[in-house]
N, C-alpha and C. Protein backbone atom coordinates (compact mmCIF):
# COMPACT_ATOMS: atom_id res chain seq x y z
N MET A 1 -33.06 -28.52 30.84
CA MET A 1 -34.35 -28.11 30.97
C MET A 1 -35.24 -28.66 30.12
N ILE A 2 -36.50 -28.76 30.59
CA ILE A 2 -37.62 -29.32 29.31
C ILE A 2 -38.93 -28.35 29.62
N ILE A 3 -39.39 -28.40 28.75
CA ILE A 3 -40.78 -27.67 28.55
C ILE A 3 -41.97 -28.69 28.45
N ARG A 4 -42.67 -28.24 29.25
CA ARG A 4 -44.12 -29.40 29.03
C ARG A 4 -45.23 -28.28 29.53
N LYS A 5 -46.62 -28.67 29.12
CA LYS A 5 -47.62 -28.18 29.02
C LYS A 5 -48.07 -27.96 30.39
N ALA A 6 -48.38 -26.79 31.17
CA ALA A 6 -48.61 -26.70 32.38
C ALA A 6 -50.03 -27.07 32.88
N GLU A 7 -49.72 -27.75 34.15
CA GLU A 7 -51.12 -28.48 34.69
C GLU A 7 -51.63 -27.57 35.87
N ALA A 8 -52.91 -27.69 36.18
CA ALA A 8 -53.55 -27.02 37.38
C ALA A 8 -52.60 -27.04 38.72
N ARG A 9 -51.97 -28.13 38.72
CA ARG A 9 -51.18 -28.36 40.23
C ARG A 9 -50.08 -27.40 40.01
N ASP A 10 -49.58 -26.74 38.63
CA ASP A 10 -48.47 -25.94 38.67
C ASP A 10 -48.94 -24.26 38.93
N LEU A 11 -50.35 -24.05 38.94
CA LEU A 11 -50.62 -22.50 38.99
C LEU A 11 -50.13 -21.75 40.36
N PRO A 12 -50.05 -22.37 41.46
CA PRO A 12 -49.46 -21.51 42.74
C PRO A 12 -48.06 -21.20 42.26
N ARG A 13 -47.05 -22.18 41.62
CA ARG A 13 -45.79 -21.85 41.52
C ARG A 13 -45.78 -20.91 40.38
N MET A 14 -46.71 -20.90 39.44
CA MET A 14 -46.73 -20.03 38.24
C MET A 14 -46.85 -18.51 38.80
N MET A 15 -48.06 -18.49 39.57
CA MET A 15 -48.26 -16.94 39.94
C MET A 15 -47.07 -16.77 40.93
N GLU A 16 -46.27 -17.55 41.59
CA GLU A 16 -45.11 -17.08 42.28
C GLU A 16 -44.25 -16.30 41.18
N ILE A 17 -43.93 -17.10 40.18
CA ILE A 17 -43.01 -16.67 39.20
C ILE A 17 -43.57 -15.41 38.64
N TYR A 18 -44.75 -15.25 38.75
CA TYR A 18 -45.33 -13.85 37.73
C TYR A 18 -45.21 -12.77 38.90
N ALA A 19 -45.21 -12.86 40.05
CA ALA A 19 -44.99 -11.92 41.08
C ALA A 19 -43.69 -11.47 41.18
N ASN A 20 -42.64 -12.47 40.95
CA ASN A 20 -41.51 -12.17 41.28
C ASN A 20 -40.72 -11.40 39.67
N ALA A 21 -41.54 -12.04 38.55
CA ALA A 21 -41.24 -10.98 37.18
C ALA A 21 -41.67 -9.59 37.59
N ARG A 22 -42.81 -9.29 37.99
CA ARG A 22 -43.10 -7.96 38.10
C ARG A 22 -42.19 -6.96 39.05
N ALA A 23 -41.96 -7.96 40.04
CA ALA A 23 -40.83 -7.01 41.04
C ALA A 23 -39.47 -6.91 40.26
N PHE A 24 -39.10 -7.84 39.38
CA PHE A 24 -37.94 -7.68 38.47
C PHE A 24 -37.99 -6.49 37.43
N MET A 25 -39.16 -6.38 36.90
CA MET A 25 -39.35 -5.62 35.85
C MET A 25 -39.24 -4.25 36.22
N ALA A 26 -40.08 -4.32 37.77
CA ALA A 26 -40.15 -2.73 38.15
C ALA A 26 -38.79 -2.28 38.95
N SER A 27 -38.03 -3.15 39.30
CA SER A 27 -36.55 -2.89 39.76
C SER A 27 -35.54 -2.63 38.49
N HIS A 28 -36.09 -2.84 37.23
CA HIS A 28 -35.26 -2.65 36.15
C HIS A 28 -36.21 -1.77 35.33
N GLY A 29 -36.55 -0.77 35.67
CA GLY A 29 -37.21 0.48 34.98
C GLY A 29 -38.33 -0.17 34.23
N ASN A 30 -39.03 -0.87 34.34
CA ASN A 30 -40.38 -1.26 33.57
C ASN A 30 -41.47 -1.52 34.66
N PRO A 31 -41.94 -0.62 35.40
CA PRO A 31 -42.94 -0.92 36.40
C PRO A 31 -44.39 -1.25 35.81
N ASN A 32 -44.63 -0.47 34.70
CA ASN A 32 -45.94 -0.45 34.10
C ASN A 32 -46.36 -1.59 33.24
N GLN A 33 -45.46 -2.38 32.54
CA GLN A 33 -45.96 -3.52 31.98
C GLN A 33 -46.55 -4.38 32.41
N TRP A 34 -46.40 -4.71 33.78
CA TRP A 34 -47.47 -5.89 34.23
C TRP A 34 -47.68 -5.40 35.57
N GLY A 35 -46.81 -4.47 36.03
CA GLY A 35 -47.09 -3.87 37.56
C GLY A 35 -48.51 -3.13 37.84
N ALA A 36 -48.47 -2.22 36.81
CA ALA A 36 -49.82 -1.10 36.89
C ALA A 36 -51.00 -2.11 37.22
N THR A 37 -51.42 -3.28 36.60
CA THR A 37 -52.55 -3.93 36.41
C THR A 37 -52.18 -5.29 36.88
N ASN A 38 -51.14 -5.73 37.78
CA ASN A 38 -51.03 -7.08 38.61
C ASN A 38 -51.19 -7.93 37.61
N TRP A 39 -50.82 -8.02 36.33
CA TRP A 39 -50.87 -8.85 35.25
C TRP A 39 -49.78 -9.95 35.25
N PRO A 40 -50.26 -10.94 34.85
CA PRO A 40 -51.33 -11.30 34.72
C PRO A 40 -52.25 -12.18 35.69
N PRO A 41 -53.57 -11.97 35.60
CA PRO A 41 -54.39 -12.31 36.54
C PRO A 41 -54.82 -14.01 36.69
N GLU A 42 -55.07 -14.36 37.60
CA GLU A 42 -54.90 -15.73 37.80
C GLU A 42 -55.96 -16.53 37.17
N ARG A 43 -57.15 -16.01 36.83
CA ARG A 43 -58.23 -16.35 35.80
C ARG A 43 -57.68 -16.73 34.54
N LEU A 44 -56.88 -15.81 33.96
CA LEU A 44 -56.20 -15.93 32.67
C LEU A 44 -55.25 -17.13 32.75
N ILE A 45 -54.69 -17.21 33.64
CA ILE A 45 -53.51 -18.30 33.61
C ILE A 45 -54.41 -19.40 33.78
N ARG A 46 -55.25 -19.69 34.54
CA ARG A 46 -56.34 -21.07 34.46
C ARG A 46 -56.67 -21.10 33.15
N GLN A 47 -57.43 -20.16 32.61
CA GLN A 47 -57.94 -20.18 31.03
C GLN A 47 -56.99 -21.06 30.10
N ASP A 48 -55.65 -20.54 30.16
CA ASP A 48 -54.41 -20.60 29.46
C ASP A 48 -54.22 -22.19 29.59
N ILE A 49 -53.97 -22.78 30.85
CA ILE A 49 -53.97 -24.06 31.11
C ILE A 49 -54.88 -24.95 30.82
N SER A 50 -56.37 -24.61 30.78
CA SER A 50 -57.32 -25.44 30.36
C SER A 50 -57.59 -25.36 28.90
N GLU A 51 -56.98 -24.55 28.36
CA GLU A 51 -56.92 -24.49 26.69
C GLU A 51 -55.73 -24.96 25.97
N GLY A 52 -54.81 -25.61 26.94
CA GLY A 52 -53.67 -26.08 26.77
C GLY A 52 -52.30 -25.29 26.20
N ASN A 53 -52.51 -23.86 26.04
CA ASN A 53 -51.48 -22.92 25.84
C ASN A 53 -50.70 -22.55 26.72
N SER A 54 -50.59 -22.87 27.72
CA SER A 54 -49.65 -22.25 28.86
C SER A 54 -48.75 -23.72 29.15
N TYR A 55 -47.39 -23.12 29.18
CA TYR A 55 -46.29 -24.17 29.35
C TYR A 55 -45.45 -23.86 30.63
N VAL A 56 -44.75 -24.51 31.07
CA VAL A 56 -43.35 -24.39 32.09
C VAL A 56 -42.53 -24.96 31.50
N CYS A 57 -41.46 -24.27 32.13
CA CYS A 57 -39.88 -24.77 31.72
C CYS A 57 -39.57 -25.35 33.19
N LEU A 58 -39.14 -26.64 33.20
CA LEU A 58 -38.54 -27.34 34.20
C LEU A 58 -36.80 -27.43 34.09
N ASN A 59 -36.02 -27.24 35.50
CA ASN A 59 -34.79 -27.15 35.45
C ASN A 59 -34.30 -28.76 36.01
N GLY A 60 -32.96 -29.26 35.59
CA GLY A 60 -32.77 -30.68 35.95
C GLY A 60 -33.23 -31.15 37.14
N ALA A 61 -33.59 -30.24 38.28
CA ALA A 61 -34.08 -31.15 39.29
C ALA A 61 -35.79 -31.23 39.23
N GLY A 62 -36.25 -30.64 38.03
CA GLY A 62 -37.89 -30.75 38.03
C GLY A 62 -38.31 -29.70 38.65
N ARG A 63 -37.66 -28.75 39.15
CA ARG A 63 -38.78 -27.51 39.48
C ARG A 63 -38.74 -26.54 38.44
N VAL A 64 -40.20 -26.08 38.30
CA VAL A 64 -40.63 -25.09 37.48
C VAL A 64 -39.69 -23.78 37.69
N VAL A 65 -39.20 -23.40 36.68
CA VAL A 65 -38.29 -22.02 36.91
C VAL A 65 -38.85 -21.11 35.54
N GLY A 66 -39.44 -21.40 34.67
CA GLY A 66 -40.05 -20.46 33.89
C GLY A 66 -41.57 -20.80 33.18
N VAL A 67 -42.20 -20.07 32.96
CA VAL A 67 -43.85 -20.22 32.44
C VAL A 67 -43.89 -19.18 31.31
N PHE A 68 -44.65 -19.52 30.42
CA PHE A 68 -45.01 -18.85 28.95
C PHE A 68 -46.18 -19.45 28.66
N PHE A 69 -47.15 -18.34 27.74
CA PHE A 69 -48.14 -18.85 27.08
C PHE A 69 -47.27 -19.08 25.47
N PHE A 70 -48.07 -20.23 24.70
CA PHE A 70 -47.63 -20.08 23.40
C PHE A 70 -48.59 -20.78 22.57
N ILE A 71 -49.10 -20.29 21.28
CA ILE A 71 -50.04 -20.81 20.52
C ILE A 71 -49.37 -20.61 18.88
N CYS A 72 -49.85 -21.43 17.95
CA CYS A 72 -49.37 -21.52 16.73
C CYS A 72 -50.63 -21.83 15.83
N GLY A 73 -50.61 -21.20 14.66
CA GLY A 73 -51.55 -21.28 13.93
C GLY A 73 -51.76 -20.07 13.19
N GLU A 74 -52.93 -19.98 12.29
CA GLU A 74 -53.30 -18.85 11.25
C GLU A 74 -53.94 -17.56 12.15
N ASP A 75 -53.26 -16.75 11.96
CA ASP A 75 -53.65 -15.47 12.88
C ASP A 75 -54.08 -15.70 14.07
N VAL A 76 -53.37 -16.18 15.04
CA VAL A 76 -53.76 -16.80 16.31
C VAL A 76 -53.55 -15.34 17.37
N GLU A 77 -53.19 -14.11 16.94
CA GLU A 77 -53.30 -13.18 17.99
C GLU A 77 -53.71 -11.85 17.25
N PRO A 78 -55.07 -11.66 17.52
CA PRO A 78 -55.75 -10.71 16.86
C PRO A 78 -55.24 -9.10 17.17
N ALA A 79 -54.48 -9.07 17.87
CA ALA A 79 -53.89 -7.68 18.50
C ALA A 79 -52.98 -7.39 17.33
N TYR A 80 -52.47 -8.59 16.48
CA TYR A 80 -51.10 -8.48 15.68
C TYR A 80 -51.88 -8.15 14.28
N ARG A 81 -53.11 -8.11 13.72
CA ARG A 81 -53.32 -7.63 12.64
C ARG A 81 -53.28 -6.16 12.19
N ALA A 82 -53.12 -5.38 13.27
CA ALA A 82 -52.69 -4.04 12.91
C ALA A 82 -51.29 -3.68 13.55
N ILE A 83 -50.64 -3.04 12.68
CA ILE A 83 -49.11 -2.76 13.07
C ILE A 83 -48.70 -1.34 12.56
N GLU A 84 -48.50 -0.47 13.54
CA GLU A 84 -47.94 0.74 13.00
C GLU A 84 -46.66 0.98 12.67
N ASP A 85 -45.84 1.94 11.91
CA ASP A 85 -44.75 2.12 12.12
C ASP A 85 -43.89 0.93 11.44
N GLY A 86 -44.21 0.14 10.64
CA GLY A 86 -43.57 -0.98 10.14
C GLY A 86 -44.49 -1.77 9.59
N ALA A 87 -43.93 -3.10 9.50
CA ALA A 87 -44.93 -4.28 8.70
C ALA A 87 -44.23 -5.73 9.38
N TRP A 88 -45.06 -6.69 9.39
CA TRP A 88 -44.84 -7.92 9.75
C TRP A 88 -43.74 -8.30 8.32
N LEU A 89 -42.97 -9.44 8.89
CA LEU A 89 -41.91 -9.69 7.75
C LEU A 89 -42.57 -10.83 6.77
N ASP A 90 -43.15 -11.96 7.53
CA ASP A 90 -44.25 -12.87 6.84
C ASP A 90 -45.65 -13.16 7.53
N ASP A 91 -46.39 -13.22 6.27
CA ASP A 91 -47.74 -13.54 6.56
C ASP A 91 -48.39 -14.74 6.67
N SER A 92 -47.36 -16.00 6.91
CA SER A 92 -47.94 -17.12 7.13
C SER A 92 -48.19 -17.53 8.39
N ALA A 93 -48.78 -18.61 8.73
CA ALA A 93 -49.13 -19.02 10.10
C ALA A 93 -47.79 -19.07 10.77
N TYR A 94 -48.27 -18.35 12.51
CA TYR A 94 -46.90 -18.23 13.20
C TYR A 94 -47.42 -18.60 14.26
N GLY A 95 -46.72 -18.36 15.35
CA GLY A 95 -46.79 -18.81 16.95
C GLY A 95 -46.67 -17.56 17.39
N VAL A 96 -47.19 -17.53 18.67
CA VAL A 96 -46.95 -16.28 19.73
C VAL A 96 -46.84 -17.00 20.87
N VAL A 97 -45.73 -15.90 21.32
CA VAL A 97 -45.45 -16.22 22.97
C VAL A 97 -45.68 -14.80 23.96
N HIS A 98 -46.75 -15.22 24.54
CA HIS A 98 -46.94 -14.22 25.88
C HIS A 98 -46.75 -14.43 27.06
N ARG A 99 -46.70 -13.63 28.01
CA ARG A 99 -46.44 -13.96 29.40
C ARG A 99 -45.46 -14.87 29.75
N ILE A 100 -43.99 -14.35 29.41
CA ILE A 100 -43.14 -14.99 29.31
C ILE A 100 -42.25 -14.69 30.70
N ALA A 101 -42.10 -15.80 31.60
CA ALA A 101 -41.42 -15.25 32.89
C ALA A 101 -40.61 -16.18 33.33
N SER A 102 -39.24 -15.89 34.18
CA SER A 102 -38.45 -16.95 34.86
C SER A 102 -38.61 -16.56 36.35
N ASP A 103 -37.93 -17.66 37.20
CA ASP A 103 -37.91 -17.06 38.62
C ASP A 103 -36.40 -16.52 38.58
N GLY A 104 -35.64 -16.63 37.78
CA GLY A 104 -34.27 -15.91 37.59
C GLY A 104 -33.24 -16.69 38.47
N SER A 105 -33.56 -17.89 38.83
CA SER A 105 -32.57 -18.98 39.46
C SER A 105 -31.55 -19.26 38.41
N GLU A 106 -31.69 -19.45 37.24
CA GLU A 106 -30.77 -19.90 36.45
C GLU A 106 -30.32 -19.01 34.77
N LYS A 107 -29.63 -19.00 34.57
CA LYS A 107 -29.50 -18.02 33.28
C LYS A 107 -29.96 -18.92 31.98
N GLY A 108 -30.49 -18.20 31.29
CA GLY A 108 -31.00 -18.70 29.97
C GLY A 108 -32.14 -19.29 29.80
N ILE A 109 -33.20 -19.05 30.96
CA ILE A 109 -34.35 -19.54 30.93
C ILE A 109 -35.70 -18.91 29.70
N GLY A 110 -35.20 -17.98 29.68
CA GLY A 110 -36.25 -16.95 28.56
C GLY A 110 -35.74 -17.45 27.24
N ALA A 111 -34.34 -17.75 27.08
CA ALA A 111 -33.74 -18.04 25.50
C ALA A 111 -34.16 -19.55 25.29
N PHE A 112 -34.29 -20.34 26.27
CA PHE A 112 -34.47 -21.67 26.29
C PHE A 112 -36.10 -22.03 25.83
N CYS A 113 -37.03 -20.96 26.41
CA CYS A 113 -38.49 -20.72 26.24
C CYS A 113 -38.61 -20.67 24.76
N LEU A 114 -38.09 -19.57 24.79
CA LEU A 114 -38.31 -18.71 23.10
C LEU A 114 -37.67 -19.60 22.22
N ASN A 115 -36.48 -20.39 22.12
CA ASN A 115 -35.87 -21.06 21.38
C ASN A 115 -36.73 -22.59 21.06
N TRP A 116 -37.65 -22.94 22.33
CA TRP A 116 -38.25 -24.30 22.27
C TRP A 116 -39.54 -23.94 21.32
N ALA A 117 -40.23 -22.49 21.56
CA ALA A 117 -41.44 -22.17 20.85
C ALA A 117 -41.17 -21.99 19.41
N TYR A 118 -39.89 -21.42 18.97
CA TYR A 118 -39.46 -21.09 17.56
C TYR A 118 -39.21 -22.67 16.93
N GLU A 119 -38.84 -23.39 17.55
CA GLU A 119 -38.44 -24.67 17.07
C GLU A 119 -39.83 -25.55 16.64
N GLN A 120 -41.19 -25.07 17.45
CA GLN A 120 -42.22 -26.11 17.22
C GLN A 120 -43.02 -25.26 15.76
N CYS A 121 -42.56 -23.95 15.48
CA CYS A 121 -43.13 -23.64 14.03
C CYS A 121 -42.08 -22.79 13.33
N GLY A 122 -41.03 -22.35 13.65
CA GLY A 122 -40.28 -21.86 12.64
C GLY A 122 -40.52 -20.25 12.33
N HIS A 123 -41.55 -19.69 12.93
CA HIS A 123 -41.88 -18.34 12.75
C HIS A 123 -42.66 -17.95 14.21
N LEU A 124 -42.32 -16.91 14.80
CA LEU A 124 -42.66 -16.40 16.18
C LEU A 124 -42.64 -14.99 15.88
N ARG A 125 -43.95 -14.59 16.48
CA ARG A 125 -44.12 -13.16 16.79
C ARG A 125 -44.31 -12.84 18.46
N ILE A 126 -44.15 -11.91 18.88
CA ILE A 126 -43.95 -11.28 20.16
C ILE A 126 -44.21 -9.76 20.26
N ASP A 127 -44.45 -9.30 21.63
CA ASP A 127 -44.57 -8.20 21.47
C ASP A 127 -44.18 -7.62 23.04
N THR A 128 -43.53 -6.51 23.39
CA THR A 128 -43.01 -6.20 24.63
C THR A 128 -43.02 -4.64 24.84
N HIS A 129 -43.06 -4.25 25.96
CA HIS A 129 -43.26 -2.74 26.37
C HIS A 129 -42.16 -2.23 26.13
N GLY A 130 -41.79 -0.90 25.69
CA GLY A 130 -40.97 -0.25 25.53
C GLY A 130 -39.75 -0.22 26.42
N ASP A 131 -40.11 -0.26 27.73
CA ASP A 131 -39.47 -0.18 29.00
C ASP A 131 -38.82 -1.32 29.23
N ASN A 132 -38.98 -2.56 28.55
CA ASN A 132 -38.43 -3.55 28.87
C ASN A 132 -37.21 -3.94 27.99
N ILE A 133 -36.19 -2.98 28.55
CA ILE A 133 -34.83 -3.47 27.87
C ILE A 133 -34.43 -4.82 27.93
N VAL A 134 -34.65 -5.57 28.99
CA VAL A 134 -34.40 -6.93 29.34
C VAL A 134 -34.59 -7.81 27.98
N MET A 135 -35.96 -7.67 27.98
CA MET A 135 -36.58 -8.55 26.62
C MET A 135 -36.23 -8.13 25.35
N GLN A 136 -35.84 -6.79 25.16
CA GLN A 136 -35.52 -6.24 23.74
C GLN A 136 -34.29 -6.95 23.62
N ASN A 137 -33.28 -6.92 24.79
CA ASN A 137 -32.19 -7.49 24.19
C ASN A 137 -32.04 -8.91 24.17
N LEU A 138 -32.76 -9.57 24.85
CA LEU A 138 -32.94 -11.10 24.68
C LEU A 138 -33.47 -11.36 23.19
N LEU A 139 -34.32 -10.53 22.93
CA LEU A 139 -34.86 -10.85 21.28
C LEU A 139 -34.05 -10.71 20.30
N LYS A 140 -33.25 -9.56 20.47
CA LYS A 140 -31.89 -9.00 19.70
C LYS A 140 -31.19 -10.31 19.72
N LYS A 141 -30.69 -10.74 20.76
CA LYS A 141 -29.64 -11.33 20.84
C LYS A 141 -30.45 -13.08 20.03
N LEU A 142 -31.44 -13.53 20.31
CA LEU A 142 -32.06 -14.55 19.62
C LEU A 142 -32.34 -14.55 18.11
N GLY A 143 -32.29 -13.16 17.42
CA GLY A 143 -32.39 -12.89 16.07
C GLY A 143 -33.88 -12.46 15.73
N PHE A 144 -34.42 -12.15 16.58
CA PHE A 144 -35.61 -11.20 16.28
C PHE A 144 -35.64 -10.15 15.74
N VAL A 145 -36.38 -9.58 14.77
CA VAL A 145 -36.61 -8.47 14.14
C VAL A 145 -37.59 -7.45 14.62
N ARG A 146 -37.23 -6.13 15.06
CA ARG A 146 -38.29 -5.46 15.36
C ARG A 146 -39.57 -4.85 14.23
N CYS A 147 -40.23 -5.03 14.27
CA CYS A 147 -41.22 -4.87 13.03
C CYS A 147 -42.09 -3.50 13.11
N GLY A 148 -42.47 -2.96 14.25
CA GLY A 148 -43.20 -1.84 14.43
C GLY A 148 -43.73 -1.90 15.71
N THR A 149 -45.09 -1.45 15.92
CA THR A 149 -45.66 -1.19 16.90
C THR A 149 -47.03 -1.73 16.86
N THR A 150 -47.37 -2.32 18.07
CA THR A 150 -48.78 -3.06 18.16
C THR A 150 -49.48 -2.43 19.49
N TYR A 151 -50.78 -2.96 19.80
CA TYR A 151 -51.23 -2.74 20.76
C TYR A 151 -51.97 -3.75 21.37
N VAL A 152 -52.17 -4.21 22.45
CA VAL A 152 -52.81 -5.05 23.26
C VAL A 152 -53.94 -4.83 24.31
N GLU A 153 -54.97 -5.80 24.43
CA GLU A 153 -56.24 -5.17 25.14
C GLU A 153 -56.18 -4.97 26.40
N GLU A 154 -55.03 -5.46 27.23
CA GLU A 154 -54.99 -5.07 28.75
C GLU A 154 -54.78 -3.86 28.88
N ASP A 155 -53.88 -2.85 28.03
CA ASP A 155 -53.85 -1.50 28.39
C ASP A 155 -53.49 -0.68 27.08
N ASP A 156 -53.39 0.54 27.20
CA ASP A 156 -53.22 1.28 25.95
C ASP A 156 -51.77 1.81 25.70
N ASP A 157 -50.92 0.96 26.20
CA ASP A 157 -49.32 1.19 26.29
C ASP A 157 -48.95 0.66 24.77
N PRO A 158 -48.15 1.32 23.88
CA PRO A 158 -47.60 0.74 22.69
C PRO A 158 -46.93 -0.45 23.19
N ARG A 159 -46.67 -1.68 22.33
CA ARG A 159 -45.87 -2.47 22.29
C ARG A 159 -44.76 -2.49 21.05
N LEU A 160 -43.39 -2.80 21.41
CA LEU A 160 -42.94 -2.98 20.39
C LEU A 160 -43.19 -4.45 19.59
N ALA A 161 -43.18 -4.50 18.62
CA ALA A 161 -43.45 -5.94 17.92
C ALA A 161 -42.27 -6.67 17.32
N PHE A 162 -42.11 -7.73 17.45
CA PHE A 162 -41.07 -8.63 17.01
C PHE A 162 -41.26 -9.77 16.35
N GLU A 163 -40.61 -10.16 15.49
CA GLU A 163 -40.63 -11.30 14.72
C GLU A 163 -39.38 -11.97 14.31
N LYS A 164 -39.46 -13.39 13.98
CA LYS A 164 -38.54 -14.15 13.66
C LYS A 164 -39.09 -15.36 12.93
N SER A 165 -38.57 -15.38 11.61
CA SER A 165 -39.28 -15.98 10.81
C SER A 165 -38.11 -16.84 9.77
N GLU A 166 -38.48 -18.15 9.73
CA GLU A 166 -37.44 -19.20 9.16
C GLU A 166 -37.54 -18.83 7.63
N ARG A 167 -38.98 -18.56 7.05
CA ARG A 167 -39.34 -18.33 5.72
C ARG A 167 -38.68 -17.04 5.15
N ALA A 168 -38.96 -16.00 6.10
CA ALA A 168 -38.64 -14.67 5.70
C ALA A 168 -37.08 -14.55 5.73
N ASN A 169 -36.31 -15.07 6.49
CA ASN A 169 -34.97 -14.97 6.39
C ASN A 169 -34.23 -15.91 5.32
N ARG A 170 -34.99 -17.27 5.04
CA ARG A 170 -34.39 -17.97 3.87
C ARG A 170 -34.50 -16.89 2.36
N GLU A 171 -35.90 -16.54 2.41
CA GLU A 171 -36.35 -15.66 1.12
C GLU A 171 -35.31 -14.43 0.98
N ALA A 172 -34.88 -13.98 2.33
CA ALA A 172 -33.83 -12.76 2.05
C ALA A 172 -32.46 -13.13 2.01
N GLY A 173 -32.35 -14.57 1.91
CA GLY A 173 -30.82 -15.08 1.72
C GLY A 173 -30.20 -14.96 3.22
N GLY A 174 -30.96 -15.04 4.20
CA GLY A 174 -30.22 -15.15 5.41
C GLY A 174 -30.03 -13.91 6.08
N SER A 175 -30.61 -12.47 5.37
CA SER A 175 -29.98 -11.32 5.95
C SER A 175 -31.03 -10.92 6.86
N VAL A 176 -32.33 -11.28 6.96
CA VAL A 176 -33.31 -10.61 7.66
C VAL A 176 -32.95 -10.61 9.27
N GLN A 177 -32.65 -11.51 9.65
CA GLN A 177 -32.31 -11.71 11.26
C GLN A 177 -31.16 -10.85 11.59
N LYS A 178 -30.29 -10.71 10.68
CA LYS A 178 -29.24 -9.70 11.08
C LYS A 178 -29.56 -8.03 11.31
N ARG A 179 -30.90 -7.80 10.57
CA ARG A 179 -31.37 -6.76 10.24
C ARG A 179 -31.92 -6.46 11.73
N TRP A 180 -31.77 -5.01 12.43
CA TRP A 180 -32.35 -4.83 13.60
C TRP A 180 -32.89 -3.47 13.56
N ILE A 181 -33.97 -3.11 13.35
CA ILE A 181 -34.65 -1.89 13.61
C ILE A 181 -34.84 -1.25 14.62
N GLN A 182 -34.46 0.02 14.75
CA GLN A 182 -34.31 0.56 16.07
C GLN A 182 -35.45 1.53 16.26
């Protein structure tokens, strides 16, 4: 698999993957995270593409099988300034992954995308709905630590906030990513 920046020509396939992801989440006990608002809207994906923050994952045949938003820098996610019931591990510049979805055609697409994003900056933050057990399990498997609760602007549902930091893990002698806050 490979990752590349999304292009306008990818939009129909991306929206198809998001529609499939909404159906998958609903059938796995998570109907509200994207389903209640038909998230993400096409206008937002168009904006992500034009700003260079939208990525696609292609399989060996060159077919788009996964999509996600990724940005890295100082304080790049305003919603992450406030965190309840915990704290972030690392206050350095970080990457954010949002709107990650796969078409389900192959195993490991989500892990591939998250690992790629982590390799770009060595410090990722991500949030997910409390009902999204599939994503929570993937994050746990990949060494992310649950840090608390945050809120996003698209709805009032609390989100579980996760982080994976090379620096925090190194400073803790490798024990940070072994910790899993329930």
